[in-house]
């Protein structure tokens, strides 16, 4: 696997080696020793999966305090635009984001450390999205930032009139009003 640094320290794009032949393909999707050597030790405890249709936008989500989560995300079917936003107030990249396309074709993975808000937009008719987390979901500690906050400068490549999102995500605060990491 190739571990690619992004413009925000700690956020990585991971490109697996894919072996194709007439039968299909093979790849290693996760290898703890290699991951730890390139990114550092993260004890993933749970795998999650979601299925969404075109225009679904999930995020920007995070969990607060001791319940924060690191995530390793990828797409098994379809194509999404995945975004990580640095919400660590003391970070030199506070409020900045990294955006990457993840698809069944490029097989890229995206590592998002703790201290980031995360979201994705489905660009294909359907997408199956899977991710590892290092902390369980804690509903009392969940939080979010408005996905279309102009202060973030995220250029979502879709007409906002076709975006499908939850009522909860429509009511998330802007970055300036959100509860953030120190």
N, C-alpha and C. Protein backbone atom coordinates (compact mmCIF):
# COMPACT_ATOMS: atom_id res chain seq x y z
N UNK A 1 0.84 -1.18 0.00
CA UNK A 1 0.00 0.00 0.00
C UNK A 1 0.88 1.24 0.00
N UNK A 2 0.36 2.28 -0.62
CA UNK A 2 1.05 3.56 -0.60
C UNK A 2 0.29 4.50 0.33
N UNK A 3 1.01 5.10 1.27
CA UNK A 3 0.44 6.02 2.25
C UNK A 3 0.81 7.43 1.81
N UNK A 4 -0.18 8.22 1.42
CA UNK A 4 0.05 9.53 0.85
C UNK A 4 -0.30 10.61 1.86
N UNK A 5 0.69 11.44 2.20
CA UNK A 5 0.42 12.58 3.08
C UNK A 5 -0.48 13.57 2.35
N UNK A 6 -1.32 14.25 3.08
CA UNK A 6 -2.15 15.31 2.51
C UNK A 6 -1.65 16.64 3.05
N UNK A 7 -2.33 17.71 2.66
CA UNK A 7 -1.92 19.04 3.12
C UNK A 7 -2.21 19.27 4.60
N UNK A 8 -2.91 18.34 5.25
CA UNK A 8 -3.14 18.43 6.70
C UNK A 8 -2.44 17.24 7.35
N UNK A 9 -1.51 17.54 8.23
CA UNK A 9 -0.75 16.49 8.92
C UNK A 9 -1.69 15.52 9.64
N UNK A 10 -1.42 14.23 9.48
CA UNK A 10 -2.20 13.20 10.15
C UNK A 10 -3.33 12.63 9.31
N UNK A 11 -3.71 13.32 8.23
CA UNK A 11 -4.75 12.84 7.33
C UNK A 11 -4.04 12.19 6.14
N UNK A 12 -4.41 10.96 5.82
CA UNK A 12 -3.73 10.20 4.76
C UNK A 12 -4.71 9.64 3.75
N UNK A 13 -4.25 9.59 2.51
CA UNK A 13 -4.92 8.81 1.47
C UNK A 13 -4.09 7.54 1.32
N UNK A 14 -4.76 6.42 1.29
CA UNK A 14 -4.07 5.14 1.19
C UNK A 14 -4.50 4.46 -0.11
N UNK A 15 -3.51 4.12 -0.92
CA UNK A 15 -3.79 3.45 -2.18
C UNK A 15 -3.25 2.02 -2.11
N UNK A 16 -4.16 1.05 -2.11
CA UNK A 16 -3.71 -0.34 -2.03
C UNK A 16 -3.14 -0.81 -3.37
N UNK A 17 -2.31 -1.82 -3.29
CA UNK A 17 -1.85 -2.50 -4.51
C UNK A 17 -2.95 -3.46 -4.91
N UNK A 18 -3.41 -3.32 -6.13
CA UNK A 18 -4.50 -4.15 -6.63
C UNK A 18 -3.94 -5.06 -7.71
N UNK A 19 -4.19 -6.34 -7.57
CA UNK A 19 -3.73 -7.34 -8.52
C UNK A 19 -4.93 -7.80 -9.34
N UNK A 20 -4.95 -7.38 -10.61
CA UNK A 20 -6.05 -7.73 -11.52
C UNK A 20 -5.64 -8.85 -12.45
N UNK A 21 -6.59 -9.72 -12.78
CA UNK A 21 -6.41 -10.70 -13.83
C UNK A 21 -7.78 -11.04 -14.40
N UNK A 22 -7.84 -12.02 -15.25
CA UNK A 22 -9.09 -12.37 -15.92
C UNK A 22 -10.20 -12.78 -14.94
N UNK A 23 -9.83 -13.21 -13.74
CA UNK A 23 -10.82 -13.65 -12.75
C UNK A 23 -11.42 -12.49 -11.96
N UNK A 24 -10.72 -11.34 -11.94
CA UNK A 24 -11.16 -10.22 -11.12
C UNK A 24 -9.96 -9.54 -10.50
N UNK A 25 -10.01 -9.28 -9.20
CA UNK A 25 -8.88 -8.63 -8.54
C UNK A 25 -8.71 -9.16 -7.13
N UNK A 26 -7.54 -8.87 -6.58
CA UNK A 26 -7.22 -9.14 -5.18
C UNK A 26 -6.47 -7.95 -4.63
N UNK A 27 -6.75 -7.60 -3.37
CA UNK A 27 -5.99 -6.55 -2.69
C UNK A 27 -6.06 -6.78 -1.19
N UNK A 28 -5.05 -6.29 -0.50
CA UNK A 28 -5.10 -6.26 0.96
C UNK A 28 -5.73 -4.93 1.34
N UNK A 29 -6.86 -4.98 2.05
CA UNK A 29 -7.57 -3.76 2.43
C UNK A 29 -7.08 -3.21 3.77
N UNK A 30 -6.49 -4.06 4.58
CA UNK A 30 -6.05 -3.63 5.91
C UNK A 30 -4.92 -4.54 6.35
N UNK A 31 -3.85 -3.94 6.81
CA UNK A 31 -2.72 -4.71 7.31
C UNK A 31 -2.17 -3.93 8.50
N UNK A 32 -2.45 -4.39 9.71
CA UNK A 32 -2.15 -3.65 10.93
C UNK A 32 -0.68 -3.24 11.03
N UNK A 33 0.23 -4.15 10.81
CA UNK A 33 1.65 -3.86 10.96
C UNK A 33 2.08 -2.73 10.01
N UNK A 34 1.64 -2.81 8.78
CA UNK A 34 1.98 -1.80 7.78
C UNK A 34 1.33 -0.45 8.12
N UNK A 35 0.08 -0.48 8.53
CA UNK A 35 -0.63 0.74 8.92
C UNK A 35 0.09 1.42 10.08
N UNK A 36 0.42 0.65 11.10
CA UNK A 36 1.11 1.20 12.27
C UNK A 36 2.47 1.79 11.91
N UNK A 37 3.19 1.17 11.00
CA UNK A 37 4.50 1.65 10.58
C UNK A 37 4.41 2.97 9.81
N UNK A 38 3.31 3.19 9.10
CA UNK A 38 3.17 4.38 8.27
C UNK A 38 2.37 5.51 8.92
N UNK A 39 1.39 5.17 9.72
CA UNK A 39 0.53 6.18 10.33
C UNK A 39 0.69 6.21 11.84
N UNK A 40 0.85 5.06 12.44
CA UNK A 40 0.95 4.96 13.89
C UNK A 40 -0.11 4.01 14.40
N UNK A 41 0.03 3.59 15.64
CA UNK A 41 -0.93 2.62 16.17
C UNK A 41 -2.32 3.24 16.39
N UNK A 42 -3.30 2.59 15.83
CA UNK A 42 -4.70 2.94 16.06
C UNK A 42 -5.41 1.62 16.30
N UNK A 43 -6.11 1.52 17.41
CA UNK A 43 -6.80 0.27 17.73
C UNK A 43 -8.25 0.38 17.24
N UNK A 44 -8.48 -0.09 16.02
CA UNK A 44 -9.84 -0.08 15.49
C UNK A 44 -10.65 -1.15 16.20
N UNK A 45 -11.88 -0.80 16.60
CA UNK A 45 -12.70 -1.73 17.37
C UNK A 45 -14.00 -2.11 16.69
N UNK A 46 -14.33 -1.43 15.58
CA UNK A 46 -15.62 -1.68 14.97
C UNK A 46 -15.57 -1.31 13.49
N UNK A 47 -16.30 -2.07 12.67
CA UNK A 47 -16.48 -1.73 11.26
C UNK A 47 -17.95 -1.35 11.05
N UNK A 48 -18.18 -0.28 10.29
CA UNK A 48 -19.53 0.18 9.97
C UNK A 48 -19.70 0.21 8.46
N UNK A 49 -20.95 0.15 8.02
CA UNK A 49 -21.24 0.19 6.60
C UNK A 49 -22.54 0.93 6.37
N UNK A 50 -22.58 1.74 5.30
CA UNK A 50 -23.82 2.41 4.93
C UNK A 50 -24.03 2.30 3.43
N UNK A 51 -25.30 2.39 3.04
CA UNK A 51 -25.68 2.38 1.63
C UNK A 51 -26.48 3.65 1.40
N UNK A 52 -26.13 4.38 0.34
CA UNK A 52 -26.81 5.64 0.05
C UNK A 52 -26.95 5.80 -1.45
N UNK A 53 -27.87 6.68 -1.85
CA UNK A 53 -28.10 6.94 -3.26
C UNK A 53 -27.54 8.30 -3.66
N UNK A 54 -27.58 8.59 -4.95
CA UNK A 54 -27.02 9.81 -5.50
C UNK A 54 -27.54 11.05 -4.75
N UNK A 55 -26.61 11.94 -4.45
CA UNK A 55 -26.96 13.20 -3.81
C UNK A 55 -27.07 13.14 -2.30
N UNK A 56 -26.95 11.95 -1.71
CA UNK A 56 -26.99 11.86 -0.25
C UNK A 56 -25.69 12.46 0.29
N UNK A 57 -25.85 13.35 1.25
CA UNK A 57 -24.71 13.96 1.91
C UNK A 57 -24.83 13.67 3.41
N UNK A 58 -23.86 12.96 3.92
CA UNK A 58 -23.84 12.60 5.35
C UNK A 58 -22.70 13.38 5.99
N UNK A 59 -23.02 14.18 6.97
CA UNK A 59 -21.97 14.93 7.66
C UNK A 59 -22.29 16.40 7.73
N UNK A 60 -21.42 17.09 8.28
CA UNK A 60 -20.08 16.79 8.78
C UNK A 60 -20.18 16.38 10.25
N UNK A 61 -19.81 15.17 10.58
CA UNK A 61 -20.02 14.60 11.91
C UNK A 61 -18.72 14.38 12.67
N UNK A 62 -18.84 14.36 13.99
CA UNK A 62 -17.75 13.96 14.87
C UNK A 62 -18.32 13.67 16.25
N UNK A 63 -17.50 13.06 17.08
CA UNK A 63 -17.84 12.83 18.48
C UNK A 63 -16.88 13.63 19.34
N UNK A 64 -17.39 14.13 20.46
CA UNK A 64 -16.63 15.04 21.31
C UNK A 64 -15.84 14.32 22.40
N UNK A 65 -14.76 14.99 22.83
CA UNK A 65 -14.00 14.58 23.99
C UNK A 65 -13.44 13.18 23.91
N UNK A 66 -13.58 12.45 25.02
CA UNK A 66 -13.03 11.10 25.12
C UNK A 66 -13.72 10.14 24.16
N UNK A 67 -14.81 10.56 23.55
CA UNK A 67 -15.55 9.70 22.63
C UNK A 67 -15.21 9.98 21.16
N UNK A 68 -14.22 10.84 20.92
CA UNK A 68 -13.84 11.15 19.54
C UNK A 68 -13.38 9.88 18.84
N UNK A 69 -13.41 9.91 17.52
CA UNK A 69 -13.08 8.72 16.74
C UNK A 69 -12.09 9.02 15.64
N UNK A 70 -11.16 8.11 15.43
CA UNK A 70 -10.37 8.06 14.21
C UNK A 70 -11.13 7.11 13.29
N UNK A 71 -11.05 7.38 11.96
CA UNK A 71 -11.77 6.56 11.00
C UNK A 71 -10.87 6.20 9.83
N UNK A 72 -11.06 5.00 9.32
CA UNK A 72 -10.45 4.57 8.08
C UNK A 72 -11.60 4.20 7.17
N UNK A 73 -11.81 5.00 6.10
CA UNK A 73 -13.00 4.87 5.27
C UNK A 73 -12.66 4.43 3.86
N UNK A 74 -13.61 3.75 3.21
CA UNK A 74 -13.45 3.36 1.82
C UNK A 74 -14.82 3.05 1.21
N UNK A 75 -14.85 2.99 -0.10
CA UNK A 75 -16.08 2.70 -0.83
C UNK A 75 -15.93 1.33 -1.49
N UNK A 76 -16.93 0.49 -1.29
CA UNK A 76 -16.94 -0.84 -1.89
C UNK A 76 -17.67 -0.81 -3.23
N UNK A 77 -18.72 0.00 -3.30
CA UNK A 77 -19.51 0.12 -4.53
C UNK A 77 -19.83 1.59 -4.75
N UNK A 78 -19.65 2.06 -5.98
CA UNK A 78 -20.02 3.43 -6.31
C UNK A 78 -18.87 4.41 -6.15
N UNK A 79 -19.26 5.67 -5.89
CA UNK A 79 -18.28 6.75 -5.86
C UNK A 79 -18.77 7.84 -4.92
N UNK A 80 -17.89 8.31 -4.04
CA UNK A 80 -18.23 9.41 -3.12
C UNK A 80 -17.12 10.44 -3.10
N UNK A 81 -17.48 11.63 -2.69
CA UNK A 81 -16.51 12.66 -2.39
C UNK A 81 -16.46 12.73 -0.87
N UNK A 82 -15.29 12.44 -0.30
CA UNK A 82 -15.14 12.35 1.15
C UNK A 82 -14.36 13.57 1.65
N UNK A 83 -14.77 14.10 2.80
CA UNK A 83 -14.18 15.33 3.32
C UNK A 83 -13.87 15.18 4.80
N UNK A 84 -12.67 15.65 5.17
CA UNK A 84 -12.26 15.74 6.58
C UNK A 84 -11.93 17.20 6.87
N UNK A 85 -12.52 17.75 7.95
CA UNK A 85 -12.31 19.15 8.33
C UNK A 85 -11.60 19.19 9.68
N UNK A 86 -10.50 19.89 9.73
CA UNK A 86 -9.73 20.04 10.98
C UNK A 86 -10.48 20.98 11.91
N UNK A 87 -10.92 20.45 13.06
CA UNK A 87 -11.65 21.28 14.03
C UNK A 87 -10.92 21.35 15.37
N UNK A 88 -9.59 21.24 15.28
CA UNK A 88 -8.74 21.40 16.47
C UNK A 88 -8.34 22.87 16.53
N UNK A 89 -8.87 23.60 17.52
CA UNK A 89 -8.65 25.05 17.60
C UNK A 89 -7.18 25.44 17.62
N UNK A 90 -6.33 24.61 18.20
CA UNK A 90 -4.90 24.95 18.31
C UNK A 90 -4.09 24.53 17.09
N UNK A 91 -4.73 23.95 16.10
CA UNK A 91 -4.02 23.45 14.92
C UNK A 91 -3.73 24.57 13.92
N UNK A 92 -2.56 24.54 13.29
CA UNK A 92 -2.27 25.54 12.25
C UNK A 92 -3.17 25.38 11.02
N UNK A 93 -3.85 24.23 10.91
CA UNK A 93 -4.75 24.01 9.78
C UNK A 93 -6.22 24.01 10.21
N UNK A 94 -6.51 24.64 11.36
CA UNK A 94 -7.87 24.73 11.87
C UNK A 94 -8.81 25.30 10.79
N UNK A 95 -9.93 24.61 10.60
CA UNK A 95 -10.94 25.06 9.64
C UNK A 95 -10.66 24.67 8.21
N UNK A 96 -9.48 24.10 7.95
CA UNK A 96 -9.13 23.65 6.59
C UNK A 96 -9.67 22.24 6.39
N UNK A 97 -9.77 21.84 5.13
CA UNK A 97 -10.27 20.50 4.84
C UNK A 97 -9.45 19.81 3.77
N UNK A 98 -9.57 18.49 3.76
CA UNK A 98 -9.02 17.64 2.71
C UNK A 98 -10.20 16.93 2.08
N UNK A 99 -10.21 16.92 0.75
CA UNK A 99 -11.29 16.28 0.01
C UNK A 99 -10.67 15.24 -0.93
N UNK A 100 -11.26 14.06 -0.98
CA UNK A 100 -10.74 13.00 -1.84
C UNK A 100 -11.91 12.19 -2.41
N UNK A 101 -11.77 11.78 -3.65
CA UNK A 101 -12.77 10.90 -4.23
C UNK A 101 -12.39 9.46 -3.91
N UNK A 102 -13.35 8.74 -3.38
CA UNK A 102 -13.19 7.32 -3.08
C UNK A 102 -14.17 6.57 -3.97
N UNK A 103 -13.70 5.49 -4.59
CA UNK A 103 -14.60 4.75 -5.47
C UNK A 103 -14.25 3.27 -5.51
N UNK A 104 -15.18 2.50 -6.05
CA UNK A 104 -14.92 1.08 -6.24
C UNK A 104 -13.81 0.87 -7.26
N UNK A 105 -13.59 1.85 -8.13
CA UNK A 105 -12.56 1.73 -9.15
C UNK A 105 -11.17 2.09 -8.61
N UNK A 106 -11.04 3.22 -7.89
CA UNK A 106 -9.70 3.61 -7.42
C UNK A 106 -9.31 2.90 -6.12
N UNK A 107 -10.27 2.36 -5.41
CA UNK A 107 -10.05 1.56 -4.18
C UNK A 107 -9.26 2.31 -3.11
N UNK A 108 -9.21 3.62 -3.22
CA UNK A 108 -8.52 4.42 -2.21
C UNK A 108 -9.22 4.32 -0.86
N UNK A 109 -8.41 4.53 0.18
CA UNK A 109 -8.93 4.64 1.53
C UNK A 109 -8.49 6.00 2.07
N UNK A 110 -9.18 6.45 3.09
CA UNK A 110 -8.93 7.78 3.65
C UNK A 110 -8.87 7.62 5.16
N UNK A 111 -7.73 8.02 5.75
CA UNK A 111 -7.60 7.96 7.21
C UNK A 111 -7.84 9.34 7.77
N UNK A 112 -8.78 9.42 8.72
CA UNK A 112 -9.16 10.68 9.37
C UNK A 112 -8.90 10.50 10.87
N UNK A 113 -7.94 11.25 11.42
CA UNK A 113 -7.65 11.10 12.85
C UNK A 113 -8.70 11.79 13.72
N UNK A 114 -8.57 11.59 15.01
CA UNK A 114 -9.44 12.29 15.96
C UNK A 114 -9.22 13.80 15.83
N UNK A 115 -10.25 14.57 16.11
CA UNK A 115 -10.15 16.02 16.01
C UNK A 115 -10.64 16.58 14.69
N UNK A 116 -11.29 15.74 13.90
CA UNK A 116 -11.78 16.15 12.60
C UNK A 116 -13.27 15.87 12.47
N UNK A 117 -13.96 16.75 11.76
CA UNK A 117 -15.34 16.47 11.34
C UNK A 117 -15.24 15.74 10.00
N UNK A 118 -16.19 14.87 9.74
CA UNK A 118 -16.13 14.02 8.55
C UNK A 118 -17.49 13.96 7.87
N UNK A 119 -17.45 13.94 6.55
CA UNK A 119 -18.68 13.78 5.79
C UNK A 119 -18.38 13.30 4.39
N UNK A 120 -19.44 12.86 3.70
CA UNK A 120 -19.26 12.45 2.30
C UNK A 120 -20.53 12.70 1.51
N UNK A 121 -20.32 12.88 0.19
CA UNK A 121 -21.38 13.10 -0.78
C UNK A 121 -21.34 11.98 -1.80
N UNK A 122 -22.49 11.35 -2.07
CA UNK A 122 -22.56 10.26 -3.03
C UNK A 122 -22.67 10.84 -4.45
N UNK A 123 -21.74 10.43 -5.32
CA UNK A 123 -21.69 10.91 -6.70
C UNK A 123 -22.22 9.90 -7.71
N UNK A 124 -22.40 8.67 -7.31
CA UNK A 124 -22.90 7.61 -8.19
C UNK A 124 -24.37 7.33 -7.86
N UNK A 125 -25.01 6.50 -8.67
CA UNK A 125 -26.42 6.17 -8.41
C UNK A 125 -26.61 5.58 -7.02
N UNK A 126 -25.61 4.82 -6.60
CA UNK A 126 -25.65 4.17 -5.29
C UNK A 126 -24.22 4.01 -4.81
N UNK A 127 -24.03 4.05 -3.50
CA UNK A 127 -22.70 3.82 -2.94
C UNK A 127 -22.82 3.00 -1.67
N UNK A 128 -21.89 2.06 -1.53
CA UNK A 128 -21.74 1.33 -0.27
C UNK A 128 -20.42 1.78 0.31
N UNK A 129 -20.50 2.32 1.50
CA UNK A 129 -19.40 2.99 2.19
C UNK A 129 -19.11 2.21 3.46
N UNK A 130 -17.84 1.92 3.72
CA UNK A 130 -17.49 1.17 4.92
C UNK A 130 -16.35 1.87 5.64
N UNK A 131 -16.35 1.76 6.96
CA UNK A 131 -15.28 2.41 7.72
C UNK A 131 -15.05 1.74 9.06
N UNK A 132 -13.78 1.80 9.45
CA UNK A 132 -13.34 1.31 10.74
C UNK A 132 -13.29 2.51 11.68
N UNK A 133 -13.63 2.30 12.96
CA UNK A 133 -13.52 3.34 13.98
C UNK A 133 -12.78 2.80 15.19
N UNK A 134 -12.17 3.73 15.94
CA UNK A 134 -11.40 3.30 17.11
C UNK A 134 -12.12 3.60 18.43
N UNK A 135 -13.39 3.98 18.36
CA UNK A 135 -14.17 4.27 19.55
C UNK A 135 -15.63 4.01 19.19
N UNK A 136 -16.43 3.47 20.11
CA UNK A 136 -17.82 3.19 19.77
C UNK A 136 -18.64 4.47 19.61
N UNK A 137 -19.75 4.35 18.91
CA UNK A 137 -20.69 5.46 18.76
C UNK A 137 -21.27 5.80 20.12
N UNK A 138 -21.27 7.09 20.45
CA UNK A 138 -21.81 7.57 21.73
C UNK A 138 -22.79 8.70 21.43
N UNK A 139 -24.08 8.39 21.31
CA UNK A 139 -25.07 9.39 20.90
C UNK A 139 -25.04 10.68 21.72
N UNK A 140 -24.78 10.58 23.01
CA UNK A 140 -24.76 11.78 23.86
C UNK A 140 -23.57 12.69 23.56
N UNK A 141 -22.60 12.19 22.81
CA UNK A 141 -21.38 12.96 22.53
C UNK A 141 -21.21 13.26 21.04
N UNK A 142 -22.25 13.02 20.26
CA UNK A 142 -22.14 13.31 18.83
C UNK A 142 -22.34 14.81 18.59
N UNK A 143 -21.71 15.29 17.53
CA UNK A 143 -21.81 16.70 17.17
C UNK A 143 -21.60 16.82 15.67
N UNK A 144 -21.75 18.03 15.18
CA UNK A 144 -21.57 18.23 13.75
C UNK A 144 -21.41 19.69 13.41
N UNK A 145 -21.07 19.90 12.16
CA UNK A 145 -20.93 21.24 11.59
C UNK A 145 -21.74 21.24 10.30
N UNK A 146 -22.36 22.37 10.00
CA UNK A 146 -23.16 22.49 8.78
C UNK A 146 -22.30 22.20 7.55
N UNK A 147 -22.75 21.29 6.72
CA UNK A 147 -22.00 20.83 5.55
C UNK A 147 -21.78 21.95 4.53
N UNK A 148 -22.64 22.95 4.52
CA UNK A 148 -22.52 24.03 3.55
C UNK A 148 -22.09 25.36 4.18
N UNK A 149 -21.39 25.28 5.30
CA UNK A 149 -20.88 26.48 5.97
C UNK A 149 -19.89 27.18 5.03
N UNK A 150 -20.17 28.43 4.62
CA UNK A 150 -19.26 29.12 3.70
C UNK A 150 -17.85 29.31 4.28
N UNK A 151 -17.72 29.35 5.59
CA UNK A 151 -16.40 29.54 6.21
C UNK A 151 -15.47 28.36 5.93
N UNK A 152 -16.02 27.19 5.60
CA UNK A 152 -15.20 26.02 5.33
C UNK A 152 -14.66 26.01 3.90
N UNK A 153 -15.33 26.67 3.01
CA UNK A 153 -14.86 26.72 1.62
C UNK A 153 -14.91 25.40 0.89
N UNK A 154 -15.80 24.50 1.29
CA UNK A 154 -15.91 23.20 0.62
C UNK A 154 -16.73 23.40 -0.65
N UNK A 155 -16.15 23.02 -1.76
CA UNK A 155 -16.84 23.14 -3.05
C UNK A 155 -17.45 21.78 -3.42
N UNK A 156 -18.66 21.56 -2.94
CA UNK A 156 -19.37 20.33 -3.25
C UNK A 156 -19.79 20.40 -4.71
N UNK A 157 -19.46 19.40 -5.54
CA UNK A 157 -19.73 19.46 -6.98
C UNK A 157 -21.14 18.98 -7.35
N UNK A 158 -22.13 19.62 -6.74
CA UNK A 158 -23.51 19.18 -6.97
C UNK A 158 -24.42 20.38 -6.75
N UNK A 159 -25.53 20.39 -7.45
CA UNK A 159 -26.54 21.42 -7.24
C UNK A 159 -27.18 21.16 -5.88
N UNK A 160 -27.15 22.14 -5.01
CA UNK A 160 -27.65 21.95 -3.64
C UNK A 160 -29.12 21.54 -3.61
N UNK A 161 -29.87 21.82 -4.68
CA UNK A 161 -31.29 21.46 -4.69
C UNK A 161 -31.50 19.95 -4.75
N UNK A 162 -30.48 19.18 -5.14
CA UNK A 162 -30.63 17.72 -5.20
C UNK A 162 -29.97 17.01 -4.02
N UNK A 163 -29.34 17.78 -3.13
CA UNK A 163 -28.71 17.18 -1.95
C UNK A 163 -29.79 16.59 -1.04
N UNK A 164 -29.54 15.35 -0.62
CA UNK A 164 -30.41 14.69 0.36
C UNK A 164 -29.62 14.54 1.65
N UNK A 165 -30.14 15.10 2.71
CA UNK A 165 -29.46 15.00 3.99
C UNK A 165 -30.50 14.88 5.09
N UNK A 166 -30.07 14.58 6.29
CA UNK A 166 -31.00 14.41 7.40
C UNK A 166 -31.42 15.76 7.98
N UNK A 167 -32.55 15.75 8.66
CA UNK A 167 -33.00 16.97 9.36
C UNK A 167 -31.94 17.42 10.36
N UNK A 168 -31.33 16.46 11.03
CA UNK A 168 -30.29 16.78 12.01
C UNK A 168 -29.13 17.52 11.35
N UNK A 169 -28.71 17.05 10.16
CA UNK A 169 -27.59 17.70 9.49
C UNK A 169 -27.95 19.09 8.98
N UNK A 170 -29.22 19.30 8.65
CA UNK A 170 -29.66 20.64 8.22
C UNK A 170 -29.62 21.66 9.36
N UNK A 171 -29.64 21.15 10.59
CA UNK A 171 -29.69 22.03 11.77
C UNK A 171 -28.35 22.14 12.49
N UNK A 172 -27.30 21.54 11.96
CA UNK A 172 -25.98 21.60 12.62
C UNK A 172 -25.50 23.05 12.66
N UNK A 173 -24.71 23.41 13.66
CA UNK A 173 -24.20 24.78 13.74
C UNK A 173 -23.10 25.04 12.72
N UNK A 174 -22.86 26.31 12.47
CA UNK A 174 -21.71 26.71 11.66
C UNK A 174 -20.46 26.52 12.51
N UNK A 175 -19.30 26.46 11.85
CA UNK A 175 -18.03 26.24 12.55
C UNK A 175 -17.85 27.22 13.70
N UNK A 176 -18.16 28.47 13.51
CA UNK A 176 -17.95 29.51 14.54
C UNK A 176 -18.78 29.25 15.80
N UNK A 177 -19.86 28.47 15.69
CA UNK A 177 -20.73 28.20 16.83
C UNK A 177 -20.64 26.77 17.35
N UNK A 178 -19.81 25.95 16.73
CA UNK A 178 -19.73 24.53 17.09
C UNK A 178 -18.82 24.32 18.30
N UNK A 179 -19.08 23.19 18.97
CA UNK A 179 -18.20 22.77 20.07
C UNK A 179 -17.03 22.05 19.43
N UNK A 180 -15.81 22.57 19.66
CA UNK A 180 -14.63 22.10 18.94
C UNK A 180 -13.62 21.44 19.87
N UNK A 181 -12.57 20.91 19.29
CA UNK A 181 -11.47 20.32 20.05
C UNK A 181 -10.46 21.41 20.39
N UNK A 182 -9.80 21.29 21.55
CA UNK A 182 -8.75 22.27 21.94
C UNK A 182 -7.48 22.04 21.18
